[in-house]
Amino acid sequence: MNLVLDASTTLAWVFGDECHDRAWPIIESLQRFTAFAPAHYPLEVANGLLMALRRRRLTPDQAAAAVVALATLPVAIDGDTPARVYDGIWELAARHRLTIYDAAYLDLAIRRQLPLASLDDSLTRAAASVGIALAIPRH
């Protein structure tokens, strides 16, 4: 099943933390399906890796390996995201008390009518409230 992939799921897969087991099936499914993400996704993921490196959650070798692995993920970047910031995305962020970044994932899932793969509680609550299926069950 194609889906909208957010940075929280991607980074949980990289970090191997407590959410790794929830993220792994999603990343593994990308061998068969396509993930879609808003335009800021690569920046958000790269920033997460950089912060983890600076906080010594990842070693330089682990961060370098993660960059290589993430570059191979089949994630289609949505080019329409910037044009929707002050239209649909802003409204979703305000209505659901989300960041603009998280609202962009929700907007994309709504537009494409795809399930959302996220580990972010606020984002998954908002998605469920507007009828978007969740690719990762909420805890």
N, C-alpha and C. Protein backbone atom coordinates (compact mmCIF):
# COMPACT_ATOMS: atom_id res chain seq x y z
N MET A 1 0.83 -1.17 0.00
CA MET A 1 0.00 0.00 0.00
C MET A 1 0.87 1.24 0.00
N ASN A 2 0.63 2.14 -0.91
CA ASN A 2 1.31 3.42 -0.92
C ASN A 2 0.88 4.20 0.31
N LEU A 3 1.73 5.12 0.75
CA LEU A 3 1.44 5.86 1.98
C LEU A 3 2.20 7.17 2.02
N VAL A 4 1.84 8.00 2.98
CA VAL A 4 2.58 9.23 3.26
C VAL A 4 3.48 8.93 4.44
N LEU A 5 4.77 9.15 4.26
CA LEU A 5 5.78 8.83 5.26
C LEU A 5 6.27 10.11 5.92
N ASP A 6 6.29 10.13 7.25
CA ASP A 6 6.81 11.31 7.93
C ASP A 6 8.19 11.06 8.52
N ALA A 7 8.82 12.13 8.96
CA ALA A 7 10.18 12.05 9.48
C ALA A 7 10.27 11.24 10.77
N SER A 8 9.23 11.27 11.61
CA SER A 8 9.30 10.52 12.87
C SER A 8 9.46 9.03 12.63
N THR A 9 8.78 8.52 11.64
CA THR A 9 8.89 7.09 11.31
C THR A 9 10.26 6.78 10.73
N THR A 10 10.72 7.62 9.84
CA THR A 10 12.03 7.43 9.22
C THR A 10 13.14 7.46 10.26
N LEU A 11 13.10 8.43 11.14
CA LEU A 11 14.15 8.56 12.14
C LEU A 11 14.09 7.45 13.19
N ALA A 12 12.90 6.98 13.53
CA ALA A 12 12.80 5.85 14.47
C ALA A 12 13.46 4.61 13.88
N TRP A 13 13.33 4.44 12.59
CA TRP A 13 13.98 3.31 11.92
C TRP A 13 15.50 3.43 12.03
N VAL A 14 16.01 4.64 11.83
CA VAL A 14 17.45 4.88 11.90
C VAL A 14 17.97 4.67 13.32
N PHE A 15 17.28 5.21 14.29
CA PHE A 15 17.79 5.22 15.66
C PHE A 15 17.69 3.87 16.36
N GLY A 16 16.83 2.99 15.89
CA GLY A 16 16.70 1.70 16.55
C GLY A 16 16.21 1.83 17.98
N ASP A 17 15.42 2.87 18.25
CA ASP A 17 14.93 3.08 19.61
C ASP A 17 13.67 2.28 19.88
N GLU A 18 12.93 2.69 20.89
CA GLU A 18 11.74 1.94 21.29
C GLU A 18 10.67 1.89 20.21
N CYS A 19 10.71 2.81 19.27
CA CYS A 19 9.71 2.82 18.19
C CYS A 19 10.20 2.09 16.93
N HIS A 20 11.42 1.59 16.96
CA HIS A 20 12.00 0.91 15.79
C HIS A 20 11.11 -0.23 15.30
N ASP A 21 10.58 -1.03 16.21
CA ASP A 21 9.75 -2.16 15.81
C ASP A 21 8.47 -1.72 15.11
N ARG A 22 7.99 -0.53 15.42
CA ARG A 22 6.80 0.00 14.75
C ARG A 22 7.15 0.60 13.39
N ALA A 23 8.36 1.13 13.28
CA ALA A 23 8.78 1.78 12.03
C ALA A 23 9.27 0.77 10.99
N TRP A 24 9.90 -0.30 11.44
CA TRP A 24 10.53 -1.26 10.52
C TRP A 24 9.58 -1.80 9.46
N PRO A 25 8.36 -2.27 9.81
CA PRO A 25 7.49 -2.80 8.75
C PRO A 25 7.14 -1.76 7.68
N ILE A 26 7.07 -0.52 8.07
CA ILE A 26 6.77 0.54 7.09
C ILE A 26 7.94 0.70 6.13
N ILE A 27 9.14 0.81 6.66
CA ILE A 27 10.31 0.98 5.81
C ILE A 27 10.49 -0.25 4.92
N GLU A 28 10.28 -1.42 5.49
CA GLU A 28 10.40 -2.67 4.71
C GLU A 28 9.38 -2.71 3.58
N SER A 29 8.17 -2.18 3.80
CA SER A 29 7.13 -2.21 2.77
C SER A 29 7.48 -1.36 1.57
N LEU A 30 8.44 -0.45 1.72
CA LEU A 30 8.81 0.42 0.61
C LEU A 30 9.52 -0.33 -0.50
N GLN A 31 9.85 -1.59 -0.27
CA GLN A 31 10.38 -2.42 -1.35
C GLN A 31 9.29 -2.75 -2.36
N ARG A 32 8.04 -2.67 -1.91
CA ARG A 32 6.90 -3.03 -2.76
C ARG A 32 6.00 -1.84 -3.10
N PHE A 33 6.08 -0.79 -2.31
CA PHE A 33 5.17 0.35 -2.46
C PHE A 33 5.96 1.65 -2.48
N THR A 34 5.24 2.71 -2.77
CA THR A 34 5.87 4.03 -2.81
C THR A 34 5.41 4.85 -1.62
N ALA A 35 6.34 5.56 -1.05
CA ALA A 35 6.02 6.54 -0.01
C ALA A 35 6.04 7.92 -0.64
N PHE A 36 5.15 8.76 -0.17
CA PHE A 36 5.09 10.15 -0.59
C PHE A 36 5.39 11.01 0.62
N ALA A 37 6.02 12.15 0.40
CA ALA A 37 6.34 13.06 1.50
C ALA A 37 6.30 14.49 0.98
N PRO A 38 5.99 15.43 1.86
CA PRO A 38 6.00 16.84 1.45
C PRO A 38 7.42 17.33 1.20
N ALA A 39 7.52 18.48 0.59
CA ALA A 39 8.80 19.00 0.13
C ALA A 39 9.84 19.16 1.24
N HIS A 40 9.43 19.40 2.47
CA HIS A 40 10.39 19.63 3.55
C HIS A 40 10.92 18.33 4.17
N TYR A 41 10.39 17.19 3.79
CA TYR A 41 10.77 15.90 4.40
C TYR A 41 12.29 15.65 4.40
N PRO A 42 12.99 15.79 3.27
CA PRO A 42 14.43 15.52 3.31
C PRO A 42 15.17 16.44 4.28
N LEU A 43 14.75 17.69 4.36
CA LEU A 43 15.38 18.64 5.28
C LEU A 43 15.11 18.24 6.73
N GLU A 44 13.89 17.84 7.02
CA GLU A 44 13.52 17.46 8.38
C GLU A 44 14.27 16.20 8.82
N VAL A 45 14.38 15.22 7.94
CA VAL A 45 15.10 13.99 8.26
C VAL A 45 16.59 14.28 8.43
N ALA A 46 17.16 15.04 7.51
CA ALA A 46 18.58 15.37 7.62
C ALA A 46 18.87 16.16 8.89
N ASN A 47 17.98 17.06 9.26
CA ASN A 47 18.16 17.82 10.49
C ASN A 47 18.08 16.91 11.72
N GLY A 48 17.17 15.94 11.69
CA GLY A 48 17.08 14.97 12.78
C GLY A 48 18.37 14.18 12.94
N LEU A 49 18.97 13.79 11.83
CA LEU A 49 20.25 13.08 11.89
C LEU A 49 21.36 13.98 12.43
N LEU A 50 21.38 15.22 11.97
CA LEU A 50 22.41 16.15 12.44
C LEU A 50 22.29 16.40 13.94
N MET A 51 21.05 16.59 14.42
CA MET A 51 20.85 16.82 15.85
C MET A 51 21.27 15.59 16.66
N ALA A 52 20.97 14.40 16.13
CA ALA A 52 21.37 13.16 16.82
C ALA A 52 22.89 13.04 16.87
N LEU A 53 23.54 13.45 15.80
CA LEU A 53 25.00 13.43 15.77
C LEU A 53 25.57 14.42 16.80
N ARG A 54 25.04 15.63 16.81
CA ARG A 54 25.51 16.64 17.76
C ARG A 54 25.27 16.24 19.22
N ARG A 55 24.16 15.53 19.45
CA ARG A 55 23.84 15.10 20.82
C ARG A 55 24.48 13.76 21.17
N ARG A 56 25.28 13.27 20.24
CA ARG A 56 26.00 12.00 20.39
C ARG A 56 25.08 10.80 20.55
N ARG A 57 23.92 10.91 19.94
CA ARG A 57 23.02 9.76 19.87
C ARG A 57 23.45 8.84 18.73
N LEU A 58 24.13 9.40 17.75
CA LEU A 58 24.73 8.66 16.64
C LEU A 58 26.21 9.01 16.57
N THR A 59 27.02 8.02 16.21
CA THR A 59 28.43 8.30 15.94
C THR A 59 28.54 8.88 14.53
N PRO A 60 29.66 9.49 14.19
CA PRO A 60 29.83 9.98 12.82
C PRO A 60 29.66 8.86 11.78
N ASP A 61 30.17 7.66 12.07
CA ASP A 61 30.02 6.54 11.13
C ASP A 61 28.56 6.12 10.99
N GLN A 62 27.83 6.10 12.11
CA GLN A 62 26.41 5.74 12.05
C GLN A 62 25.62 6.78 11.27
N ALA A 63 25.92 8.05 11.49
CA ALA A 63 25.23 9.11 10.77
C ALA A 63 25.52 9.03 9.27
N ALA A 64 26.76 8.78 8.92
CA ALA A 64 27.12 8.65 7.50
C ALA A 64 26.40 7.46 6.86
N ALA A 65 26.34 6.34 7.57
CA ALA A 65 25.63 5.16 7.06
C ALA A 65 24.14 5.45 6.91
N ALA A 66 23.57 6.19 7.85
CA ALA A 66 22.16 6.53 7.77
C ALA A 66 21.87 7.41 6.56
N VAL A 67 22.74 8.37 6.29
CA VAL A 67 22.56 9.24 5.13
C VAL A 67 22.54 8.42 3.85
N VAL A 68 23.45 7.47 3.74
CA VAL A 68 23.50 6.61 2.54
C VAL A 68 22.23 5.77 2.43
N ALA A 69 21.81 5.17 3.55
CA ALA A 69 20.62 4.32 3.54
C ALA A 69 19.36 5.12 3.21
N LEU A 70 19.24 6.29 3.79
CA LEU A 70 18.04 7.10 3.57
C LEU A 70 17.97 7.62 2.13
N ALA A 71 19.11 7.86 1.53
CA ALA A 71 19.12 8.34 0.15
C ALA A 71 18.58 7.30 -0.83
N THR A 72 18.55 6.04 -0.42
CA THR A 72 18.05 4.98 -1.31
C THR A 72 16.57 4.69 -1.12
N LEU A 73 15.95 5.28 -0.09
CA LEU A 73 14.53 5.01 0.12
C LEU A 73 13.69 5.58 -1.02
N PRO A 74 12.73 4.81 -1.50
CA PRO A 74 11.88 5.30 -2.59
C PRO A 74 10.79 6.22 -2.07
N VAL A 75 11.16 7.46 -1.83
CA VAL A 75 10.22 8.45 -1.33
C VAL A 75 10.01 9.50 -2.41
N ALA A 76 8.78 9.63 -2.86
CA ALA A 76 8.43 10.62 -3.88
C ALA A 76 8.11 11.94 -3.17
N ILE A 77 8.84 12.97 -3.51
CA ILE A 77 8.66 14.28 -2.87
C ILE A 77 7.59 15.06 -3.63
N ASP A 78 6.63 15.56 -2.86
CA ASP A 78 5.51 16.30 -3.43
C ASP A 78 5.91 17.73 -3.74
N GLY A 79 5.89 18.08 -4.99
CA GLY A 79 6.28 19.42 -5.41
C GLY A 79 5.22 20.48 -5.17
N ASP A 80 4.00 20.07 -4.85
CA ASP A 80 2.92 21.03 -4.65
C ASP A 80 2.86 21.59 -3.23
N THR A 81 3.65 21.04 -2.32
CA THR A 81 3.60 21.46 -0.92
C THR A 81 3.78 22.97 -0.74
N PRO A 82 4.82 23.58 -1.31
CA PRO A 82 5.01 25.02 -1.05
C PRO A 82 3.82 25.89 -1.45
N ALA A 83 3.17 25.54 -2.54
CA ALA A 83 2.04 26.34 -3.01
C ALA A 83 0.82 26.21 -2.10
N ARG A 84 0.81 25.21 -1.23
CA ARG A 84 -0.35 24.97 -0.37
C ARG A 84 -0.16 25.49 1.06
N VAL A 85 1.00 26.07 1.34
CA VAL A 85 1.30 26.49 2.72
C VAL A 85 0.24 27.43 3.27
N TYR A 86 -0.12 28.48 2.54
CA TYR A 86 -1.05 29.47 3.06
C TYR A 86 -2.49 29.15 2.72
N ASP A 87 -2.71 28.01 2.18
CA ASP A 87 -4.07 27.59 1.82
C ASP A 87 -4.44 26.42 2.74
N GLY A 88 -4.39 25.22 2.27
CA GLY A 88 -4.83 24.05 3.03
C GLY A 88 -3.97 23.72 4.22
N ILE A 89 -2.66 23.88 4.10
CA ILE A 89 -1.76 23.49 5.19
C ILE A 89 -1.94 24.40 6.40
N TRP A 90 -1.98 25.69 6.16
CA TRP A 90 -2.17 26.65 7.26
C TRP A 90 -3.45 26.34 8.02
N GLU A 91 -4.52 26.12 7.29
CA GLU A 91 -5.82 25.84 7.90
C GLU A 91 -5.77 24.56 8.75
N LEU A 92 -5.16 23.51 8.23
CA LEU A 92 -5.04 22.26 9.00
C LEU A 92 -4.21 22.47 10.27
N ALA A 93 -3.12 23.21 10.15
CA ALA A 93 -2.27 23.46 11.32
C ALA A 93 -3.04 24.22 12.39
N ALA A 94 -3.76 25.25 11.99
CA ALA A 94 -4.51 26.05 12.96
C ALA A 94 -5.65 25.23 13.59
N ARG A 95 -6.38 24.50 12.77
CA ARG A 95 -7.53 23.75 13.27
C ARG A 95 -7.13 22.62 14.20
N HIS A 96 -6.01 21.95 13.91
CA HIS A 96 -5.62 20.77 14.69
C HIS A 96 -4.43 21.02 15.63
N ARG A 97 -4.02 22.29 15.74
CA ARG A 97 -2.92 22.66 16.64
C ARG A 97 -1.64 21.88 16.31
N LEU A 98 -1.33 21.83 15.01
CA LEU A 98 -0.13 21.16 14.50
C LEU A 98 0.89 22.20 14.08
N THR A 99 2.14 21.77 13.96
CA THR A 99 3.12 22.63 13.31
C THR A 99 2.78 22.65 11.81
N ILE A 100 3.29 23.64 11.13
CA ILE A 100 3.10 23.69 9.68
C ILE A 100 3.72 22.45 9.05
N TYR A 101 4.87 22.01 9.57
CA TYR A 101 5.55 20.83 9.03
C TYR A 101 4.66 19.59 9.12
N ASP A 102 4.06 19.37 10.30
CA ASP A 102 3.19 18.21 10.47
C ASP A 102 1.91 18.34 9.65
N ALA A 103 1.37 19.54 9.58
CA ALA A 103 0.16 19.76 8.78
C ALA A 103 0.41 19.46 7.30
N ALA A 104 1.64 19.67 6.84
CA ALA A 104 1.97 19.37 5.44
C ALA A 104 1.84 17.87 5.16
N TYR A 105 2.23 17.03 6.12
CA TYR A 105 2.04 15.58 5.95
C TYR A 105 0.56 15.24 5.89
N LEU A 106 -0.22 15.85 6.77
CA LEU A 106 -1.65 15.58 6.79
C LEU A 106 -2.31 16.06 5.50
N ASP A 107 -1.95 17.23 5.04
CA ASP A 107 -2.49 17.76 3.79
C ASP A 107 -2.21 16.82 2.63
N LEU A 108 -1.00 16.31 2.57
CA LEU A 108 -0.62 15.39 1.49
C LEU A 108 -1.43 14.09 1.57
N ALA A 109 -1.60 13.56 2.77
CA ALA A 109 -2.40 12.34 2.94
C ALA A 109 -3.84 12.57 2.51
N ILE A 110 -4.39 13.73 2.84
CA ILE A 110 -5.76 14.06 2.44
C ILE A 110 -5.86 14.18 0.92
N ARG A 111 -4.94 14.92 0.32
CA ARG A 111 -4.98 15.13 -1.13
C ARG A 111 -4.84 13.83 -1.91
N ARG A 112 -3.97 12.96 -1.45
CA ARG A 112 -3.72 11.70 -2.16
C ARG A 112 -4.59 10.56 -1.67
N GLN A 113 -5.34 10.81 -0.60
CA GLN A 113 -6.17 9.78 0.03
C GLN A 113 -5.35 8.53 0.33
N LEU A 114 -4.24 8.75 1.04
CA LEU A 114 -3.32 7.68 1.40
C LEU A 114 -3.21 7.59 2.92
N PRO A 115 -2.91 6.39 3.42
CA PRO A 115 -2.65 6.26 4.85
C PRO A 115 -1.40 7.04 5.23
N LEU A 116 -1.35 7.43 6.49
CA LEU A 116 -0.23 8.20 7.02
C LEU A 116 0.61 7.31 7.93
N ALA A 117 1.91 7.29 7.70
CA ALA A 117 2.84 6.56 8.57
C ALA A 117 3.55 7.58 9.44
N SER A 118 3.08 7.70 10.69
CA SER A 118 3.66 8.65 11.62
C SER A 118 3.66 8.07 13.03
N LEU A 119 4.64 8.47 13.81
CA LEU A 119 4.70 8.10 15.22
C LEU A 119 4.38 9.31 16.11
N ASP A 120 4.04 10.42 15.50
CA ASP A 120 3.74 11.66 16.21
C ASP A 120 2.28 11.63 16.69
N ASP A 121 2.08 11.72 17.99
CA ASP A 121 0.74 11.62 18.55
C ASP A 121 -0.22 12.70 18.06
N SER A 122 0.22 13.94 18.05
CA SER A 122 -0.66 15.03 17.60
C SER A 122 -1.07 14.85 16.15
N LEU A 123 -0.11 14.45 15.33
CA LEU A 123 -0.40 14.26 13.91
C LEU A 123 -1.32 13.07 13.68
N THR A 124 -1.10 11.98 14.38
CA THR A 124 -1.97 10.81 14.18
C THR A 124 -3.38 11.08 14.70
N ARG A 125 -3.50 11.83 15.79
CA ARG A 125 -4.85 12.20 16.28
C ARG A 125 -5.57 13.05 15.25
N ALA A 126 -4.86 14.02 14.69
CA ALA A 126 -5.48 14.89 13.67
C ALA A 126 -5.87 14.08 12.44
N ALA A 127 -5.01 13.17 12.01
CA ALA A 127 -5.32 12.33 10.84
C ALA A 127 -6.56 11.49 11.10
N ALA A 128 -6.62 10.88 12.25
CA ALA A 128 -7.78 10.04 12.58
C ALA A 128 -9.06 10.89 12.62
N SER A 129 -8.95 12.12 13.09
CA SER A 129 -10.14 12.97 13.21
C SER A 129 -10.70 13.40 11.86
N VAL A 130 -9.86 13.38 10.82
CA VAL A 130 -10.35 13.74 9.48
C VAL A 130 -10.52 12.52 8.58
N GLY A 131 -10.44 11.34 9.17
CA GLY A 131 -10.72 10.12 8.43
C GLY A 131 -9.57 9.55 7.63
N ILE A 132 -8.33 9.96 7.93
CA ILE A 132 -7.17 9.41 7.23
C ILE A 132 -6.72 8.16 7.98
N ALA A 133 -6.55 7.09 7.25
CA ALA A 133 -6.09 5.82 7.84
C ALA A 133 -4.66 5.97 8.31
N LEU A 134 -4.34 5.23 9.35
CA LEU A 134 -2.98 5.25 9.89
C LEU A 134 -2.27 3.97 9.50
N ALA A 135 -1.08 4.10 8.94
CA ALA A 135 -0.31 2.94 8.54
C ALA A 135 0.36 2.27 9.74
N ILE A 136 0.49 3.02 10.83
CA ILE A 136 1.05 2.49 12.07
C ILE A 136 -0.02 2.66 13.14
N PRO A 137 -0.50 1.58 13.73
CA PRO A 137 -1.54 1.72 14.76
C PRO A 137 -1.06 2.59 15.92
N ARG A 138 -1.96 3.41 16.42
CA ARG A 138 -1.64 4.26 17.58
C ARG A 138 -1.59 3.42 18.84
N HIS A 139 -0.73 3.83 19.77
CA HIS A 139 -0.66 3.15 21.07
C HIS A 139 -1.54 3.84 22.05
